[in-house]
Amino acid sequence: MMIHAYSEDYLNNAQKILGDMMDYAVNTYEFSPNQFYEMFLVSDVSMQFQTGNPTYVAGKTGCELVKEVIRKSGLLIPELKDEMYLDKSPEYWCGWALAYYQWYTGRSFMKIYHAVSIEEILNMYPVYHEMDISRFVETINEKWDQYYVETNLKRLRMLSGLSQSELAKRSGVALRQIQLFEQRQRDINHTRAIDVLSLAREIGCKSEELLEI
């Protein structure tokens, strides 16, 4: 069962807020989509949003988020009048769809951005904006799998300099189990917490870093 950072009751509002944020940033402040989105990612606004802080997913407008991102980026730009567009732009749809995907998968905005750029999402607009959102999710999942070819376990194990056999011996987790995790034939998210903890301890990382989210 998928665990979401915030209740589905907030989802429609969260999508509207992120949609308005992208629309306002691009079409009023005239940021390029990538420029503003990268500002959003490095501010703690993205973290507050993806962890479901009610102030951000329900209590602020998209215009307020833009102004907060600008302030936290240290840019000295005069504040512009709040504007909510009746005609929903590609930028609005981009933010709207991203908010859904982040909520649905629980993946961070930053990791999503590494797998698929804002330009790619905007280019999807003509075909996908009238489709069910599930089609967007399927396509972004495909791009995610193409980008994140290696599992977190394999990537972090290799960085630690341990072979699969060495990790198995030191952690007490069966070699075959480690192989299945790394081949994505077994889901590490659904294994025993004690095994994940043992693997993380030997690799030298946090347990949550081994999970595939």
Protein backbone atom coordinates (compact mmCIF):
# COMPACT_ATOMS: atom_id res chain seq x y z
CA MET A 1 0.00 0.00 0.00
CA MET A 2 1.37 3.42 -1.00
CA ILE A 3 1.96 5.79 1.91
CA HIS A 4 1.39 9.43 0.98
CA ALA A 5 2.86 12.46 2.74
CA TYR A 6 -0.55 14.08 3.08
CA SER A 7 -4.21 13.19 2.84
CA GLU A 8 -5.92 12.88 -0.52
CA ASP A 9 -8.32 15.55 0.80
CA TYR A 10 -5.52 18.08 0.19
CA LEU A 11 -4.50 16.75 -3.21
CA ASN A 12 -6.71 18.84 -5.50
CA ASN A 13 -5.74 21.99 -3.65
CA ALA A 14 -2.04 21.05 -3.70
CA GLN A 15 -2.19 20.50 -7.47
CA LYS A 16 -3.85 23.87 -8.00
CA ILE A 17 -1.29 25.64 -5.81
CA LEU A 18 1.71 24.15 -7.63
CA GLY A 19 0.05 24.80 -10.97
CA ASP A 20 -0.59 28.44 -10.08
CA MET A 21 2.98 28.71 -8.79
CA MET A 22 4.51 27.64 -12.10
CA ASP A 23 2.05 29.74 -14.11
CA TYR A 24 2.66 32.89 -12.06
CA ALA A 25 6.46 32.46 -11.98
CA VAL A 26 6.72 32.05 -15.75
CA ASN A 27 3.93 34.26 -17.06
CA THR A 28 4.03 37.14 -14.57
CA TYR A 29 7.60 37.19 -13.24
CA GLU A 30 8.92 35.92 -16.59
CA PHE A 31 11.31 33.34 -15.18
CA SER A 32 12.21 30.52 -17.51
CA PRO A 33 10.46 27.33 -16.32
CA ASN A 34 13.74 25.62 -15.48
CA GLN A 35 15.23 28.66 -13.76
CA PHE A 36 12.33 29.05 -11.38
CA TYR A 37 11.86 25.33 -10.76
CA GLU A 38 15.52 24.98 -9.79
CA MET A 39 15.05 27.87 -7.35
CA PHE A 40 12.03 26.03 -5.95
CA LEU A 41 14.06 22.83 -5.55
CA VAL A 42 16.93 24.37 -3.60
CA SER A 43 14.63 26.36 -1.31
CA ASP A 44 12.97 24.57 1.57
CA VAL A 45 9.61 25.33 -0.05
CA SER A 46 9.85 22.11 -2.09
CA MET A 47 10.65 20.13 1.07
CA GLN A 48 7.72 21.66 2.96
CA PHE A 49 5.42 20.87 0.05
CA GLN A 50 6.51 17.27 -0.53
CA THR A 51 6.37 16.41 3.18
CA GLY A 52 2.78 17.65 3.31
CA ASN A 53 3.08 20.71 5.52
CA PRO A 54 -0.57 21.91 5.55
CA THR A 55 0.55 25.54 5.36
CA TYR A 56 2.04 24.81 1.93
CA VAL A 57 -0.29 22.21 0.41
CA ALA A 58 -3.45 23.99 1.54
CA GLY A 59 -2.75 27.30 3.29
CA LYS A 60 -0.78 29.31 0.73
CA THR A 61 -1.52 30.42 -2.82
CA GLY A 62 0.73 29.72 -5.76
CA CYS A 63 1.57 33.43 -5.91
CA GLU A 64 2.67 33.36 -2.26
CA LEU A 65 4.92 30.37 -2.95
CA VAL A 66 6.60 32.19 -5.83
CA LYS A 67 7.34 35.21 -3.65
CA GLU A 68 8.67 32.97 -0.86
CA VAL A 69 10.96 31.12 -3.27
CA ILE A 70 12.27 34.44 -4.61
CA ARG A 71 12.97 35.73 -1.09
CA LYS A 72 14.72 32.55 -0.05
CA SER A 73 16.82 32.65 -3.22
CA GLY A 74 18.14 36.07 -2.19
CA LEU A 75 16.94 37.83 -5.35
CA LEU A 76 16.00 41.48 -5.01
CA ILE A 77 12.99 41.63 -7.30
CA PRO A 78 10.05 44.01 -6.79
CA GLU A 79 6.85 42.18 -5.84
CA LEU A 80 4.28 42.01 -8.60
CA LYS A 81 0.51 41.93 -8.28
CA ASP A 82 -0.96 38.48 -7.58
CA GLU A 83 -2.57 37.06 -10.67
CA MET A 84 -4.52 33.84 -11.14
CA TYR A 85 -5.13 33.06 -14.80
CA LEU A 86 -8.49 31.67 -15.86
CA ASP A 87 -7.00 30.01 -18.94
CA LYS A 88 -4.75 27.23 -17.70
CA SER A 89 -1.36 27.35 -19.41
CA PRO A 90 1.11 24.53 -20.12
CA GLU A 91 3.08 25.80 -17.12
CA TYR A 92 0.01 25.43 -14.91
CA TRP A 93 -0.52 21.86 -16.13
CA CYS A 94 3.17 21.09 -15.53
CA GLY A 95 2.92 22.10 -11.86
CA TRP A 96 -0.49 20.46 -11.49
CA ALA A 97 0.76 17.14 -12.88
CA LEU A 98 4.02 17.23 -10.91
CA ALA A 99 2.13 17.77 -7.65
CA TYR A 100 0.05 14.67 -8.38
CA TYR A 101 3.05 12.54 -9.33
CA GLN A 102 5.03 13.56 -6.26
CA TRP A 103 2.06 12.84 -3.97
CA TYR A 104 1.27 9.55 -5.67
CA THR A 105 4.83 8.15 -5.66
CA GLY A 106 6.23 9.82 -2.53
CA ARG A 107 9.39 10.61 -4.50
CA SER A 108 11.16 13.89 -3.92
CA PHE A 109 10.81 16.75 -6.38
CA MET A 110 14.59 16.79 -6.75
CA LYS A 111 14.87 13.12 -7.70
CA ILE A 112 11.96 13.47 -10.12
CA TYR A 113 13.70 16.46 -11.73
CA HIS A 114 16.88 14.43 -12.23
CA ALA A 115 14.89 11.84 -14.17
CA VAL A 116 12.75 14.23 -16.23
CA SER A 117 13.29 17.94 -16.93
CA ILE A 118 10.67 20.66 -16.86
CA GLU A 119 11.12 21.09 -20.62
CA GLU A 120 10.27 17.42 -21.15
CA ILE A 121 7.12 17.76 -19.07
CA LEU A 122 6.08 20.92 -20.90
CA ASN A 123 6.63 19.12 -24.21
CA MET A 124 4.20 16.45 -23.00
CA TYR A 125 1.41 19.01 -22.57
CA PRO A 126 -0.16 18.89 -26.08
CA VAL A 127 -0.66 15.11 -25.89
CA TYR A 128 -1.13 14.45 -22.18
CA HIS A 129 -3.09 17.37 -20.74
CA GLU A 130 -6.44 15.91 -21.83
CA MET A 131 -5.54 12.34 -20.83
CA ASP A 132 -6.19 10.73 -17.48
CA ILE A 133 -3.38 11.60 -15.05
CA SER A 134 -2.53 7.89 -14.79
CA ARG A 135 -1.03 8.04 -18.28
CA PHE A 136 1.29 10.82 -17.15
CA VAL A 137 2.31 8.74 -14.14
CA GLU A 138 3.10 5.74 -16.36
CA THR A 139 5.27 7.82 -18.68
CA ILE A 140 7.21 9.50 -15.87
CA ASN A 141 7.72 6.09 -14.23
CA GLU A 142 9.27 4.86 -17.49
CA LYS A 143 11.63 7.85 -17.54
CA TRP A 144 12.45 7.23 -13.86
CA ASP A 145 13.39 3.61 -14.57
CA GLN A 146 15.54 4.66 -17.51
CA TYR A 147 17.43 7.19 -15.37
CA TYR A 148 17.70 5.24 -12.12
CA VAL A 149 18.98 2.02 -13.67
CA GLU A 150 20.86 0.88 -10.57
CA THR A 151 19.09 0.33 -7.28
CA ASN A 152 20.10 2.46 -4.32
CA LEU A 153 21.51 -0.67 -2.70
CA LYS A 154 23.81 -1.44 -5.62
CA ARG A 155 24.92 2.17 -6.09
CA LEU A 156 25.72 2.69 -2.39
CA ARG A 157 27.29 -0.76 -2.00
CA MET A 158 29.65 -0.07 -4.89
CA LEU A 159 30.53 3.36 -3.48
CA SER A 160 31.42 1.65 -0.21
CA GLY A 161 33.79 -0.71 -2.04
CA LEU A 162 32.02 -3.86 -0.87
CA SER A 163 31.24 -6.82 -3.10
CA GLN A 164 27.91 -8.57 -2.77
CA SER A 165 29.61 -11.47 -1.00
CA GLU A 166 31.42 -9.20 1.44
CA LEU A 167 28.22 -7.34 2.25
CA ALA A 168 26.36 -10.60 2.78
CA LYS A 169 29.04 -11.92 5.14
CA ARG A 170 29.27 -8.70 7.15
CA SER A 171 25.54 -7.93 7.34
CA GLY A 172 24.18 -11.43 7.83
CA VAL A 173 21.74 -10.90 4.95
CA ALA A 174 21.75 -13.81 2.46
CA LEU A 175 23.79 -13.24 -0.70
CA ARG A 176 20.87 -14.37 -2.89
CA GLN A 177 18.60 -11.86 -1.20
CA ILE A 178 21.04 -9.03 -1.92
CA GLN A 179 21.27 -10.16 -5.55
CA LEU A 180 17.47 -10.16 -5.88
CA PHE A 181 17.26 -6.66 -4.40
CA GLU A 182 19.85 -5.34 -6.84
CA GLN A 183 18.16 -7.03 -9.80
CA ARG A 184 14.79 -5.53 -8.77
CA GLN A 185 13.35 -9.03 -8.52
CA ARG A 186 12.58 -8.45 -4.86
CA ASP A 187 11.40 -5.16 -3.35
CA ILE A 188 13.71 -3.94 -0.61
CA ASN A 189 10.91 -1.63 0.59
CA HIS A 190 8.94 -4.69 1.69
CA THR A 191 11.68 -6.68 3.38
CA ARG A 192 12.35 -6.91 7.11
CA ALA A 193 13.45 -3.64 8.70
CA ILE A 194 16.26 -5.43 10.53
CA ASP A 195 17.76 -6.57 7.21
CA VAL A 196 17.67 -3.05 5.78
CA LEU A 197 19.26 -1.74 8.98
CA SER A 198 22.02 -4.37 8.83
CA LEU A 199 22.79 -3.57 5.18
CA ALA A 200 22.84 0.16 5.85
CA ARG A 201 25.12 -0.23 8.86
CA GLU A 202 27.75 -2.12 6.84
CA ILE A 203 27.49 0.18 3.82
CA GLY A 204 27.67 3.30 6.01
CA CYS A 205 24.41 4.98 5.07
CA LYS A 206 20.96 5.62 6.53
CA SER A 207 18.37 2.86 6.19
CA GLU A 208 16.00 5.11 4.23
CA GLU A 209 18.70 5.71 1.61
CA LEU A 210 18.38 2.06 0.54
CA LEU A 211 14.65 2.29 -0.07
CA GLU A 212 13.38 2.78 -3.62
CA ILE A 213 11.18 5.88 -3.47
